[in-house]
Structures are given as C-alpha cells and as structure tokens.
Amino acid sequence: MSPTSITLLAISTIVATFVSCSSPAARSSASAAPTKVAADARAEPPPSSSIEFVPGHSPTIEVTRAPTGHLLVQPKIHGTDAGYWIFDTGAGICCIDPTAMQPLGLRATGSIEAVGIGGASTQQTYLADQLELGPLRLRNHPLMATDLAFLEKPLGRKIHGIIGYGVLSQCVVEFDFVLPRLQLHDPAHYELTGANWAELNLDGRTPAVRARFEGHEGLFQIDTGQNTAVVCQHAAVQRWQLEQRPGLRDAKVRGVGGDITAKAGTLDWLEFGGVRQERVEALFLLEAKGSRSASARDGAIGAALLNPFVMITDYSHHRIAFRRNR
C-alpha cells in the first residue's frame, strides 16, 4: 500500500539553538544581537526586549483556517502586512520564509542550528524591530529564515512564516479550532472560566502534557502545526511495541527537513489535561530522525484531537486547560 494517502504535515516541530553570530549586522549592533558563542555551544534565542499589550485593543485576532486545519494569522512587521503565518505551538522559534523578507527591513544577526522533522540544518537569523499581532506588540523580535515553499500546495496559499514560542510565551492564548478563533491575553490579568488548569511542560520551548492510553503513560507535545490527532515517537513505539498492533497501515510524516516512515492505526482511548477522547487516530514512527528523535517526549497531540475543545495555554505559569466546545 502506498503511504502517500496517509500523510501527516508536521509543519514545524522546530527546536532552535544559536550556534554563531558572525554577520556584519550583528557585529555592528551588539546590543540587539544574540551573544556570540562558540560554534558547538548551545544557547537559546534572545527574548524580545520589549513587550506591550496595546490598551483597549480586542484580544481576538483574525484567523483563517487552512484546508489542512492549521490556523493562519497575519502579523505586521514594521507596520507592513507580513502575509499568512501559521500559529504553531510546535515551533520553538518564530520563522520566516526567505522570499518574504525583502520588503520588511529585517536585521541579520547570525546563524542558528534548527532541528526539524527530517533533521538538522544551519539557518540564518534576523531581528524585527517591531512585530504586531492583535493586541501584542513585540520589539527586537528574533526570526529564523527557513524555506516554507512546500506548504503552499497543501495549505492552499503562500505561507510567509510561523508564529511560535517567541509570541506564545508572552501571552495567554485561547485556541478555538472550530470557529476558528484566537485570543491573546495579558497573563497578569487573565482569569480562567469553565475549565481547570493542568500542568504544562515547556522543556525545549514547546508545550507538553502527561497523557495516558491503553495502559501506557508518557509526555506528549501539544503541536497545533500537526494536522493529525496523535503521533508516537519511535522510541515509544519500540518501548510499547506499538508497531505490532493489528490492522496498521503504511504512512508517511512530512515536515520541515524531510519525511519519516510510519504506521497508522487507532487508539481505543486517550486521556490528557483532564479530558478523554475515544477512538483516536494515531501514527507510529518507524524511524528515529530529526526533532522527533531528539525530543524526550513520547509523542505529540495535534490539531485533529483538539477540535472539540477551546485550548488555553499560559506559558508564563506552566499551565494549560481544555474547555469543551458547546
């Protein structure tokens, strides 16, 4: 059976660590650039130097839902419409397609080691003096340049970038995958209603929760850039012998950096974050490759499983909640 009929788009799952800072722009603007480190050292990208919630601005931002289910937003950079960007919890850094950079006046800062679904590569990094999304205004915001051309066909339009950790870490986000709708709130003033908080793990700059299914328990990443319900990592597949389940089908996982072979099947049930879903479609990875192999997580929960809920993330307090849609 050909695997192409069951293809997961793991849009990003990008874990990024700075490996150099050697561009002329970086050297001439040391106050804005990341700290220079040795080529084999690891350091996180710098946070935005200034974050502001615009007084009186609605927390709701305009969202377009792609045919794949991904949520698309349109930020502004230096006051200019920056096109369509995927709003993605699986991205450890905000990204921009190189073809979208020219009119935006970004400042080069160096290079970065980026680990995507298919492997690692070195990418160029830039700073946006100002990035705006709904009520949120960020200054000196880091961006990684990476080719996103492969997304245009499945998502039905050119994708200019990915909104990731650098934005999600600054606000409480309400995700409604059905309407669709996104709301960005100031963590200092947010009050949760209609749900209970659960613990959120943020190791590696991407969110994860404890999940249980059929006698197994592990740490599963929450990845809104993944358009299937559940993916189990290769190590977990081997540990739990998931590749031996009856009735599995050939599958393929596609994301930044390449493809991974997999098997597709169905879990009887899955519990996470205080909620439970029955008959959950899942992919079981057959290769240890790229960010999926580097991660300590046992799997990932994607947008297809989150549709029945409004998901609320609060990175600053390491907590998450799921409120059932009515």
C-alpha atoms as a PDB file:
ATOM      1  CA  MET A   1       0.000   0.000   0.000  1.00  0.00           C
ATOM      2  CA  SER A   2       1.312   3.432  -0.911  1.00  0.00           C
ATOM      3  CA  PRO A   3       1.931   5.647   2.137  1.00  0.00           C
ATOM      4  CA  THR A   4       1.067   8.859   0.313  1.00  0.00           C
ATOM      5  CA  SER A   5      -2.653   8.575   1.097  1.00  0.00           C
ATOM      6  CA  ILE A   6      -1.974   8.926   4.839  1.00  0.00           C
ATOM      7  CA  THR A   7       0.436  11.828   5.100  1.00  0.00           C
ATOM      8  CA  LEU A   8       0.891  13.933   8.211  1.00  0.00           C
ATOM      9  CA  LEU A   9       2.031  17.533   7.859  1.00  0.00           C
ATOM     10  CA  ALA A  10       4.159  18.196  10.932  1.00  0.00           C
ATOM     11  CA  ILE A  11       4.625  21.810   9.924  1.00  0.00           C
ATOM     12  CA  SER A  12       7.441  22.740  12.220  1.00  0.00           C
ATOM     13  CA  THR A  13       8.414  20.969  15.421  1.00  0.00           C
ATOM     14  CA  ILE A  14      11.438  23.235  15.183  1.00  0.00           C
ATOM     15  CA  VAL A  15      13.866  23.227  18.096  1.00  0.00           C
ATOM     16  CA  ALA A  16      16.384  26.025  17.611  1.00  0.00           C
ATOM     17  CA  THR A  17      19.673  26.816  19.330  1.00  0.00           C
ATOM     18  CA  PHE A  18      22.064  29.616  18.393  1.00  0.00           C
ATOM     19  CA  VAL A  19      25.432  28.368  17.142  1.00  0.00           C
ATOM     20  CA  SER A  20      27.073  31.537  15.831  1.00  0.00           C
ATOM     21  CA  CYS A  21      26.659  35.254  15.444  1.00  0.00           C
ATOM     22  CA  SER A  22      29.001  36.306  12.705  1.00  0.00           C
ATOM     23  CA  SER A  23      27.137  38.621  10.333  1.00  0.00           C
ATOM     24  CA  PRO A  24      28.288  42.234   9.876  1.00  0.00           C
ATOM     25  CA  ALA A  25      24.889  43.457  11.007  1.00  0.00           C
ATOM     26  CA  ALA A  26      25.241  41.523  14.220  1.00  0.00           C
ATOM     27  CA  ARG A  27      28.704  42.892  14.941  1.00  0.00           C
ATOM     28  CA  SER A  28      27.625  46.483  14.321  1.00  0.00           C
ATOM     29  CA  SER A  29      24.548  46.171  16.544  1.00  0.00           C
ATOM     30  CA  ALA A  30      25.758  44.228  19.558  1.00  0.00           C
ATOM     31  CA  SER A  31      23.028  45.483  21.861  1.00  0.00           C
ATOM     32  CA  ALA A  32      20.310  43.918  19.717  1.00  0.00           C
ATOM     33  CA  ALA A  33      22.149  40.788  18.593  1.00  0.00           C
ATOM     34  CA  PRO A  34      22.388  37.469  20.418  1.00  0.00           C
ATOM     35  CA  THR A  35      25.516  36.814  22.457  1.00  0.00           C
ATOM     36  CA  LYS A  36      28.328  35.344  20.393  1.00  0.00           C
ATOM     37  CA  VAL A  37      29.099  31.757  21.399  1.00  0.00           C
ATOM     38  CA  ALA A  38      31.414  29.018  20.189  1.00  0.00           C
ATOM     39  CA  ALA A  39      30.282  27.076  17.145  1.00  0.00           C
ATOM     40  CA  ASP A  40      29.463  23.951  19.151  1.00  0.00           C
ATOM     41  CA  ALA A  41      27.850  25.745  22.093  1.00  0.00           C
ATOM     42  CA  ARG A  42      24.118  25.843  22.697  1.00  0.00           C
ATOM     43  CA  ALA A  43      22.146  28.934  23.737  1.00  0.00           C
ATOM     44  CA  GLU A  44      18.513  29.934  23.469  1.00  0.00           C
ATOM     45  CA  PRO A  45      17.481  32.760  21.136  1.00  0.00           C
ATOM     46  CA  PRO A  46      17.163  36.118  22.922  1.00  0.00           C
ATOM     47  CA  PRO A  47      13.733  37.142  24.174  1.00  0.00           C
ATOM     48  CA  SER A  48      12.017  40.247  22.843  1.00  0.00           C
ATOM     49  CA  SER A  49      13.457  43.311  24.541  1.00  0.00           C
ATOM     50  CA  SER A  50      10.050  44.969  24.831  1.00  0.00           C
ATOM     51  CA  ILE A  51       6.549  43.517  25.098  1.00  0.00           C
ATOM     52  CA  GLU A  52       3.390  45.594  25.174  1.00  0.00           C
ATOM     53  CA  PHE A  53      -0.336  44.888  25.210  1.00  0.00           C
ATOM     54  CA  VAL A  54      -1.974  47.807  23.416  1.00  0.00           C
ATOM     55  CA  PRO A  55      -4.572  49.345  25.795  1.00  0.00           C
ATOM     56  CA  GLY A  56      -8.169  48.939  24.613  1.00  0.00           C
ATOM     57  CA  HIS A  57      -7.270  46.529  21.796  1.00  0.00           C
ATOM     58  CA  SER A  58      -9.516  43.462  21.429  1.00  0.00           C
ATOM     59  CA  PRO A  59      -7.790  40.186  22.388  1.00  0.00           C
ATOM     60  CA  THR A  60      -9.353  38.488  19.343  1.00  0.00           C
ATOM     61  CA  ILE A  61      -7.230  38.252  16.195  1.00  0.00           C
ATOM     62  CA  GLU A  62      -8.398  37.438  12.681  1.00  0.00           C
ATOM     63  CA  VAL A  63      -7.828  33.773  11.810  1.00  0.00           C
ATOM     64  CA  THR A  64      -8.065  31.815   8.564  1.00  0.00           C
ATOM     65  CA  ARG A  65      -8.368  28.043   8.743  1.00  0.00           C
ATOM     66  CA  ALA A  66      -6.361  26.238   6.052  1.00  0.00           C
ATOM     67  CA  PRO A  67      -7.742  23.108   4.315  1.00  0.00           C
ATOM     68  CA  THR A  68      -5.359  21.073   6.497  1.00  0.00           C
ATOM     69  CA  GLY A  69      -6.893  22.550   9.688  1.00  0.00           C
ATOM     70  CA  HIS A  70      -3.947  24.821  10.524  1.00  0.00           C
ATOM     71  CA  LEU A  71      -4.722  28.277  11.916  1.00  0.00           C
ATOM     72  CA  LEU A  72      -3.281  31.154   9.878  1.00  0.00           C
ATOM     73  CA  VAL A  73      -2.764  34.707  11.128  1.00  0.00           C
ATOM     74  CA  GLN A  74      -1.476  37.910   9.513  1.00  0.00           C
ATOM     75  CA  PRO A  75       1.044  39.775  11.684  1.00  0.00           C
ATOM     76  CA  LYS A  76       2.569  43.122  10.836  1.00  0.00           C
ATOM     77  CA  ILE A  77       6.314  43.740  10.790  1.00  0.00           C
ATOM     78  CA  HIS A  78       7.436  47.373  10.893  1.00  0.00           C
ATOM     79  CA  GLY A  79       3.809  48.322  10.138  1.00  0.00           C
ATOM     80  CA  THR A  80       3.686  46.226   6.944  1.00  0.00           C
ATOM     81  CA  ASP A  81       1.338  43.271   6.409  1.00  0.00           C
ATOM     82  CA  ALA A  82       3.671  40.246   6.568  1.00  0.00           C
ATOM     83  CA  GLY A  83       1.299  37.776   4.849  1.00  0.00           C
ATOM     84  CA  TYR A  84      -0.043  34.481   6.195  1.00  0.00           C
ATOM     85  CA  TRP A  85       1.764  32.825   9.108  1.00  0.00           C
ATOM     86  CA  ILE A  86       0.927  29.506  10.802  1.00  0.00           C
ATOM     87  CA  PHE A  87       0.171  29.873  14.523  1.00  0.00           C
ATOM     88  CA  ASP A  88       2.066  26.868  15.815  1.00  0.00           C
ATOM     89  CA  THR A  89       2.784  25.627  19.345  1.00  0.00           C
ATOM     90  CA  GLY A  90       5.297  23.160  17.867  1.00  0.00           C
ATOM     91  CA  ALA A  91       7.734  25.883  16.766  1.00  0.00           C
ATOM     92  CA  GLY A  92      10.493  26.727  19.248  1.00  0.00           C
ATOM     93  CA  ILE A  93      11.216  29.987  17.407  1.00  0.00           C
ATOM     94  CA  CYS A  94       9.245  32.225  15.032  1.00  0.00           C
ATOM     95  CA  CYS A  95      10.204  31.598  11.399  1.00  0.00           C
ATOM     96  CA  ILE A  96      10.024  33.493   8.113  1.00  0.00           C
ATOM     97  CA  ASP A  97      10.335  32.328   4.520  1.00  0.00           C
ATOM     98  CA  PRO A  98      13.366  33.991   2.858  1.00  0.00           C
ATOM     99  CA  THR A  99      11.223  35.144  -0.078  1.00  0.00           C
ATOM    100  CA  ALA A 100       9.048  37.195   2.298  1.00  0.00           C
ATOM    101  CA  MET A 101      11.872  39.155   3.949  1.00  0.00           C
ATOM    102  CA  GLN A 102      12.881  41.769   1.368  1.00  0.00           C
ATOM    103  CA  PRO A 103      10.150  44.404   1.949  1.00  0.00           C
ATOM    104  CA  LEU A 104      10.267  44.082   5.748  1.00  0.00           C
ATOM    105  CA  GLY A 105      13.669  45.569   6.556  1.00  0.00           C
ATOM    106  CA  LEU A 106      14.864  42.851   8.938  1.00  0.00           C
ATOM    107  CA  ARG A 107      18.314  42.980  10.559  1.00  0.00           C
ATOM    108  CA  ALA A 108      20.644  39.982  10.144  1.00  0.00           C
ATOM    109  CA  THR A 109      22.041  38.634  13.437  1.00  0.00           C
ATOM    110  CA  GLY A 110      23.865  35.403  12.616  1.00  0.00           C
ATOM    111  CA  SER A 111      23.048  31.718  12.214  1.00  0.00           C
ATOM    112  CA  ILE A 112      21.184  29.052  14.119  1.00  0.00           C
ATOM    113  CA  GLU A 113      21.074  25.264  14.271  1.00  0.00           C
ATOM    114  CA  ALA A 114      17.490  24.233  13.581  1.00  0.00           C
ATOM    115  CA  VAL A 115      16.170  20.703  14.069  1.00  0.00           C
ATOM    116  CA  GLY A 116      13.051  19.906  12.056  1.00  0.00           C
ATOM    117  CA  ILE A 117      11.092  16.737  11.455  1.00  0.00           C
ATOM    118  CA  GLY A 118      13.618  15.485   8.885  1.00  0.00           C
ATOM    119  CA  GLY A 119      16.899  16.508  10.508  1.00  0.00           C
ATOM    120  CA  ALA A 120      19.157  19.420  11.442  1.00  0.00           C
ATOM    121  CA  SER A 121      20.437  22.334   9.358  1.00  0.00           C
ATOM    122  CA  THR A 122      22.001  25.760   9.865  1.00  0.00           C
ATOM    123  CA  GLN A 123      19.699  28.714   9.139  1.00  0.00           C
ATOM    124  CA  GLN A 124      20.141  32.490   9.158  1.00  0.00           C
ATOM    125  CA  THR A 125      18.568  34.596  11.912  1.00  0.00           C
ATOM    126  CA  TYR A 126      17.146  38.113  11.880  1.00  0.00           C
ATOM    127  CA  LEU A 127      15.566  40.679  14.184  1.00  0.00           C
ATOM    128  CA  ALA A 128      12.303  42.513  13.571  1.00  0.00           C
ATOM    129  CA  ASP A 129      12.393  45.917  15.266  1.00  0.00           C
ATOM    130  CA  GLN A 130       8.635  45.570  15.753  1.00  0.00           C
ATOM    131  CA  LEU A 131       6.192  42.697  15.261  1.00  0.00           C
ATOM    132  CA  GLU A 132       2.470  43.214  15.882  1.00  0.00           C
ATOM    133  CA  LEU A 133      -0.221  40.568  16.243  1.00  0.00           C
ATOM    134  CA  GLY A 134      -3.615  41.623  17.580  1.00  0.00           C
ATOM    135  CA  PRO A 135      -3.125  43.371  20.922  1.00  0.00           C
ATOM    136  CA  LEU A 136       0.501  42.248  21.225  1.00  0.00           C
ATOM    137  CA  ARG A 137       3.432  44.414  20.184  1.00  0.00           C
ATOM    138  CA  LEU A 138       6.961  42.979  20.402  1.00  0.00           C
ATOM    139  CA  ARG A 139      10.234  44.802  19.725  1.00  0.00           C
ATOM    140  CA  ASN A 140      13.598  43.299  18.703  1.00  0.00           C
ATOM    141  CA  HIS A 141      11.867  40.018  17.959  1.00  0.00           C
ATOM    142  CA  PRO A 142      14.056  37.100  16.712  1.00  0.00           C
ATOM    143  CA  LEU A 143      13.120  35.272  13.492  1.00  0.00           C
ATOM    144  CA  MET A 144      14.711  32.296  11.766  1.00  0.00           C
ATOM    145  CA  ALA A 145      14.736  32.121   7.960  1.00  0.00           C
ATOM    146  CA  THR A 146      13.627  28.762   6.552  1.00  0.00           C
ATOM    147  CA  ASP A 147      12.136  27.605   3.260  1.00  0.00           C
ATOM    148  CA  LEU A 148       8.361  27.115   3.627  1.00  0.00           C
ATOM    149  CA  ALA A 149       7.547  26.668  -0.067  1.00  0.00           C
ATOM    150  CA  PHE A 150       6.462  23.034   0.461  1.00  0.00           C
ATOM    151  CA  LEU A 151       3.459  24.277   2.473  1.00  0.00           C
ATOM    152  CA  GLU A 152       1.822  26.269  -0.332  1.00  0.00           C
ATOM    153  CA  LYS A 153       0.134  23.339  -2.068  1.00  0.00           C
ATOM    154  CA  PRO A 154      -1.450  21.592   0.975  1.00  0.00           C
ATOM    155  CA  LEU A 155      -2.434  24.846   2.704  1.00  0.00           C
ATOM    156  CA  GLY A 156      -3.792  26.474  -0.433  1.00  0.00           C
ATOM    157  CA  ARG A 157      -1.798  29.708  -0.238  1.00  0.00           C
ATOM    158  CA  LYS A 158       1.725  31.018   0.171  1.00  0.00           C
ATOM    159  CA  ILE A 159       2.930  30.743   3.774  1.00  0.00           C
ATOM    160  CA  HIS A 160       5.235  33.595   4.768  1.00  0.00           C
ATOM    161  CA  GLY A 161       6.140  32.478   8.284  1.00  0.00           C
ATOM    162  CA  ILE A 162       5.397  30.614  11.505  1.00  0.00           C
ATOM    163  CA  ILE A 163       4.390  32.179  14.817  1.00  0.00           C
ATOM    164  CA  GLY A 164       5.977  30.116  17.596  1.00  0.00           C
ATOM    165  CA  TYR A 165       7.395  30.252  21.100  1.00  0.00           C
ATOM    166  CA  GLY A 166       8.540  33.871  20.944  1.00  0.00           C
ATOM    167  CA  VAL A 167       4.907  35.027  20.773  1.00  0.00           C
ATOM    168  CA  LEU A 168       3.133  32.256  22.688  1.00  0.00           C
ATOM    169  CA  SER A 169       5.454  32.688  25.681  1.00  0.00           C
ATOM    170  CA  GLN A 170       4.340  36.308  26.122  1.00  0.00           C
ATOM    171  CA  CYS A 171       0.577  35.808  26.483  1.00  0.00           C
ATOM    172  CA  VAL A 172      -2.289  33.553  27.487  1.00  0.00           C
ATOM    173  CA  VAL A 173      -3.699  32.130  24.253  1.00  0.00           C
ATOM    174  CA  GLU A 174      -7.229  30.805  23.738  1.00  0.00           C
ATOM    175  CA  PHE A 175      -7.412  28.475  20.724  1.00  0.00           C
ATOM    176  CA  ASP A 176     -10.851  27.720  19.257  1.00  0.00           C
ATOM    177  CA  PHE A 177     -10.211  25.337  16.368  1.00  0.00           C
ATOM    178  CA  VAL A 178     -13.863  25.197  15.263  1.00  0.00           C
ATOM    179  CA  LEU A 179     -14.879  28.862  14.841  1.00  0.00           C
ATOM    180  CA  PRO A 180     -11.862  29.344  14.259  1.00  0.00           C
ATOM    181  CA  ARG A 181     -10.658  31.995  16.716  1.00  0.00           C
ATOM    182  CA  LEU A 182      -7.537  33.025  18.617  1.00  0.00           C
ATOM    183  CA  GLN A 183      -7.425  35.364  21.578  1.00  0.00           C
ATOM    184  CA  LEU A 184      -4.222  36.785  23.090  1.00  0.00           C
ATOM    185  CA  HIS A 185      -4.476  37.902  26.741  1.00  0.00           C
ATOM    186  CA  ASP A 186      -2.136  39.568  29.197  1.00  0.00           C
ATOM    187  CA  PRO A 187      -1.125  36.812  31.705  1.00  0.00           C
ATOM    188  CA  ALA A 188      -1.214  39.350  34.543  1.00  0.00           C
ATOM    189  CA  HIS A 189      -4.959  39.890  34.138  1.00  0.00           C
ATOM    190  CA  TYR A 190      -6.322  36.594  32.769  1.00  0.00           C
ATOM    191  CA  GLU A 191      -8.983  34.600  34.696  1.00  0.00           C
ATOM    192  CA  LEU A 192      -9.882  31.075  33.588  1.00  0.00           C
ATOM    193  CA  THR A 193     -13.567  30.045  33.477  1.00  0.00           C
ATOM    194  CA  GLY A 194     -15.284  26.759  32.595  1.00  0.00           C
ATOM    195  CA  ALA A 195     -12.178  24.562  32.916  1.00  0.00           C
ATOM    196  CA  ASN A 196      -9.359  23.553  35.249  1.00  0.00           C
ATOM    197  CA  TRP A 197      -5.650  24.162  34.838  1.00  0.00           C
ATOM    198  CA  ALA A 198      -3.305  21.209  34.222  1.00  0.00           C
ATOM    199  CA  GLU A 199       0.491  21.168  34.424  1.00  0.00           C
ATOM    200  CA  LEU A 200       2.325  22.234  31.263  1.00  0.00           C
ATOM    201  CA  ASN A 201       5.869  21.090  30.479  1.00  0.00           C
ATOM    202  CA  LEU A 202       7.912  23.582  28.426  1.00  0.00           C
ATOM    203  CA  ASP A 203      11.262  21.803  28.048  1.00  0.00           C
ATOM    204  CA  GLY A 204      12.631  22.580  24.593  1.00  0.00           C
ATOM    205  CA  ARG A 205      10.407  25.675  24.206  1.00  0.00           C
ATOM    206  CA  THR A 206       7.383  23.641  23.098  1.00  0.00           C
ATOM    207  CA  PRO A 207       4.431  22.651  25.336  1.00  0.00           C
ATOM    208  CA  ALA A 208       3.725  19.104  26.520  1.00  0.00           C
ATOM    209  CA  VAL A 209       1.303  17.314  28.878  1.00  0.00           C
ATOM    210  CA  ARG A 210       1.110  13.920  30.547  1.00  0.00           C
ATOM    211  CA  ALA A 211      -1.128  11.564  28.560  1.00  0.00           C
ATOM    212  CA  ARG A 212      -2.395   8.000  29.097  1.00  0.00           C
ATOM    213  CA  PHE A 213      -3.770   5.388  26.689  1.00  0.00           C
ATOM    214  CA  GLU A 214      -4.418   1.648  26.959  1.00  0.00           C
ATOM    215  CA  GLY A 215      -2.106   1.096  29.936  1.00  0.00           C
ATOM    216  CA  HIS A 216       0.710   3.369  28.703  1.00  0.00           C
ATOM    217  CA  GLU A 217       1.628   6.807  30.065  1.00  0.00           C
ATOM    218  CA  GLY A 218       4.048   9.404  28.736  1.00  0.00           C
ATOM    219  CA  LEU A 219       4.806  13.033  27.939  1.00  0.00           C
ATOM    220  CA  PHE A 220       3.122  14.278  24.758  1.00  0.00           C
ATOM    221  CA  GLN A 221       3.839  17.548  22.981  1.00  0.00           C
ATOM    222  CA  ILE A 222       0.910  19.813  22.061  1.00  0.00           C
ATOM    223  CA  ASP A 223       1.568  20.686  18.409  1.00  0.00           C
ATOM    224  CA  THR A 224      -1.029  22.789  16.575  1.00  0.00           C
ATOM    225  CA  GLY A 225       1.186  22.602  13.461  1.00  0.00           C
ATOM    226  CA  GLN A 226       0.485  18.850  13.263  1.00  0.00           C
ATOM    227  CA  ASN A 227      -2.667  18.020  11.309  1.00  0.00           C
ATOM    228  CA  THR A 228      -3.331  14.580  12.767  1.00  0.00           C
ATOM    229  CA  ALA A 229      -4.585  13.502  16.196  1.00  0.00           C
ATOM    230  CA  VAL A 230      -1.604  11.682  17.762  1.00  0.00           C
ATOM    231  CA  VAL A 231       1.942  10.776  16.757  1.00  0.00           C
ATOM    232  CA  CYS A 232       4.009   8.360  18.857  1.00  0.00           C
ATOM    233  CA  GLN A 233       7.793   8.764  18.751  1.00  0.00           C
ATOM    234  CA  HIS A 234       9.980   5.939  17.509  1.00  0.00           C
ATOM    235  CA  ALA A 235      11.438   5.241  20.984  1.00  0.00           C
ATOM    236  CA  ALA A 236       7.942   4.971  22.492  1.00  0.00           C
ATOM    237  CA  VAL A 237       6.767   2.803  19.606  1.00  0.00           C
ATOM    238  CA  GLN A 238       9.604   0.371  20.335  1.00  0.00           C
ATOM    239  CA  ARG A 239       9.186   0.522  24.124  1.00  0.00           C
ATOM    240  CA  TRP A 240       5.439  -0.097  23.970  1.00  0.00           C
ATOM    241  CA  GLN A 241       5.647  -2.413  20.889  1.00  0.00           C
ATOM    242  CA  LEU A 242       3.073  -0.305  19.081  1.00  0.00           C
ATOM    243  CA  GLU A 243       4.307  -1.386  15.654  1.00  0.00           C
ATOM    244  CA  GLN A 244       2.911  -4.859  16.452  1.00  0.00           C
ATOM    245  CA  ARG A 245      -0.698  -3.675  16.771  1.00  0.00           C
ATOM    246  CA  PRO A 246      -3.070  -5.407  14.303  1.00  0.00           C
ATOM    247  CA  GLY A 247      -4.575  -3.586  11.345  1.00  0.00           C
ATOM    248  CA  LEU A 248      -1.854  -0.963  10.867  1.00  0.00           C
ATOM    249  CA  ARG A 249      -1.452   0.868   7.547  1.00  0.00           C
ATOM    250  CA  ASP A 250       1.595   2.411   5.846  1.00  0.00           C
ATOM    251  CA  ALA A 251       2.020   6.148   6.432  1.00  0.00           C
ATOM    252  CA  LYS A 252       4.461   8.995   5.993  1.00  0.00           C
ATOM    253  CA  VAL A 253       5.217  12.054   8.124  1.00  0.00           C
ATOM    254  CA  ARG A 254       6.274  15.182   6.257  1.00  0.00           C
ATOM    255  CA  GLY A 255       7.673  18.331   7.846  1.00  0.00           C
ATOM    256  CA  VAL A 256      10.495  20.844   7.803  1.00  0.00           C
ATOM    257  CA  GLY A 257      13.620  18.967   6.723  1.00  0.00           C
ATOM    258  CA  GLY A 258      12.137  15.835   5.161  1.00  0.00           C
ATOM    259  CA  ASP A 259       9.971  12.736   5.657  1.00  0.00           C
ATOM    260  CA  ILE A 260       9.718   9.850   8.140  1.00  0.00           C
ATOM    261  CA  THR A 261       8.113   6.446   7.511  1.00  0.00           C
ATOM    262  CA  ALA A 262       5.360   5.396   9.913  1.00  0.00           C
ATOM    263  CA  LYS A 263       2.378   3.149  10.520  1.00  0.00           C
ATOM    264  CA  ALA A 264      -1.181   4.383  11.073  1.00  0.00           C
ATOM    265  CA  GLY A 265      -3.758   2.923  13.437  1.00  0.00           C
ATOM    266  CA  THR A 266      -6.381   3.711  16.083  1.00  0.00           C
ATOM    267  CA  LEU A 267      -6.089   4.032  19.876  1.00  0.00           C
ATOM    268  CA  ASP A 268      -9.136   2.898  21.870  1.00  0.00           C
ATOM    269  CA  TRP A 269      -8.861   5.974  24.116  1.00  0.00           C
ATOM    270  CA  LEU A 270      -6.517   8.733  25.215  1.00  0.00           C
ATOM    271  CA  GLU A 271      -6.570  10.952  28.330  1.00  0.00           C
ATOM    272  CA  PHE A 272      -4.654  14.252  28.607  1.00  0.00           C
ATOM    273  CA  GLY A 273      -5.002  17.512  30.518  1.00  0.00           C
ATOM    274  CA  GLY A 274      -8.076  16.314  32.406  1.00  0.00           C
ATOM    275  CA  VAL A 275     -10.052  15.278  29.285  1.00  0.00           C
ATOM    276  CA  ARG A 276     -10.632  11.968  27.483  1.00  0.00           C
ATOM    277  CA  GLN A 277     -11.196  11.102  23.826  1.00  0.00           C
ATOM    278  CA  GLU A 278     -12.309   7.753  22.362  1.00  0.00           C
ATOM    279  CA  ARG A 279     -11.188   6.066  19.121  1.00  0.00           C
ATOM    280  CA  VAL A 280      -8.190   8.273  18.399  1.00  0.00           C
ATOM    281  CA  GLU A 281      -6.344   8.080  15.074  1.00  0.00           C
ATOM    282  CA  ALA A 282      -2.587   7.756  15.606  1.00  0.00           C
ATOM    283  CA  LEU A 283       0.690   7.484  13.725  1.00  0.00           C
ATOM    284  CA  PHE A 284       3.570   5.320  14.982  1.00  0.00           C
ATOM    285  CA  LEU A 285       7.013   6.455  13.779  1.00  0.00           C
ATOM    286  CA  LEU A 286       9.319   3.750  12.459  1.00  0.00           C
ATOM    287  CA  GLU A 287      12.467   5.924  12.307  1.00  0.00           C
ATOM    288  CA  ALA A 288      14.487   7.903  14.843  1.00  0.00           C
ATOM    289  CA  LYS A 289      15.120  11.048  12.840  1.00  0.00           C
ATOM    290  CA  GLY A 290      15.279  14.833  13.262  1.00  0.00           C
ATOM    291  CA  SER A 291      13.432  16.649  16.052  1.00  0.00           C
ATOM    292  CA  ARG A 292      11.269  13.599  16.684  1.00  0.00           C
ATOM    293  CA  SER A 293      14.351  11.610  17.718  1.00  0.00           C
ATOM    294  CA  ALA A 294      15.966  14.457  19.686  1.00  0.00           C
ATOM    295  CA  SER A 295      12.870  15.062  21.791  1.00  0.00           C
ATOM    296  CA  ALA A 296      12.441  13.465  25.209  1.00  0.00           C
ATOM    297  CA  ARG A 297       8.689  13.394  24.611  1.00  0.00           C
ATOM    298  CA  ASP A 298       6.884  10.133  23.876  1.00  0.00           C
ATOM    299  CA  GLY A 299       4.634  11.633  21.232  1.00  0.00           C
ATOM    300  CA  ALA A 300       2.631  14.610  20.059  1.00  0.00           C
ATOM    301  CA  ILE A 301      -1.029  15.631  20.135  1.00  0.00           C
ATOM    302  CA  GLY A 302      -2.138  17.571  17.071  1.00  0.00           C
ATOM    303  CA  ALA A 303      -4.958  19.816  15.916  1.00  0.00           C
ATOM    304  CA  ALA A 304      -7.277  16.969  14.887  1.00  0.00           C
ATOM    305  CA  LEU A 305      -7.601  15.836  18.516  1.00  0.00           C
ATOM    306  CA  LEU A 306      -8.024  19.383  19.843  1.00  0.00           C
ATOM    307  CA  ASN A 307     -11.059  20.347  17.743  1.00  0.00           C
ATOM    308  CA  PRO A 308     -13.661  19.516  20.447  1.00  0.00           C
ATOM    309  CA  PHE A 309     -12.006  21.966  22.875  1.00  0.00           C
ATOM    310  CA  VAL A 310     -11.060  25.543  23.447  1.00  0.00           C
ATOM    311  CA  MET A 311      -7.412  25.145  24.478  1.00  0.00           C
ATOM    312  CA  ILE A 312      -5.898  27.755  26.796  1.00  0.00           C
ATOM    313  CA  THR A 313      -2.118  27.981  27.175  1.00  0.00           C
ATOM    314  CA  ASP A 314      -0.331  30.047  29.822  1.00  0.00           C
ATOM    315  CA  TYR A 315       3.391  29.539  29.304  1.00  0.00           C
ATOM    316  CA  SER A 316       4.405  32.043  31.990  1.00  0.00           C
ATOM    317  CA  HIS A 317       2.737  29.910  34.692  1.00  0.00           C
ATOM    318  CA  HIS A 318       3.431  26.499  33.043  1.00  0.00           C
ATOM    319  CA  ARG A 319      -0.239  25.563  32.785  1.00  0.00           C
ATOM    320  CA  ILE A 320      -2.827  24.553  30.190  1.00  0.00           C
ATOM    321  CA  ALA A 321      -6.598  23.979  30.157  1.00  0.00           C
ATOM    322  CA  PHE A 322      -9.148  22.382  27.809  1.00  0.00           C
ATOM    323  CA  ARG A 323     -12.739  23.648  27.769  1.00  0.00           C
ATOM    324  CA  ARG A 324     -15.209  21.627  25.722  1.00  0.00           C
ATOM    325  CA  ASN A 325     -16.825  23.490  22.850  1.00  0.00           C
ATOM    326  CA  ARG A 326     -20.590  23.749  23.096  1.00  0.00           C
END
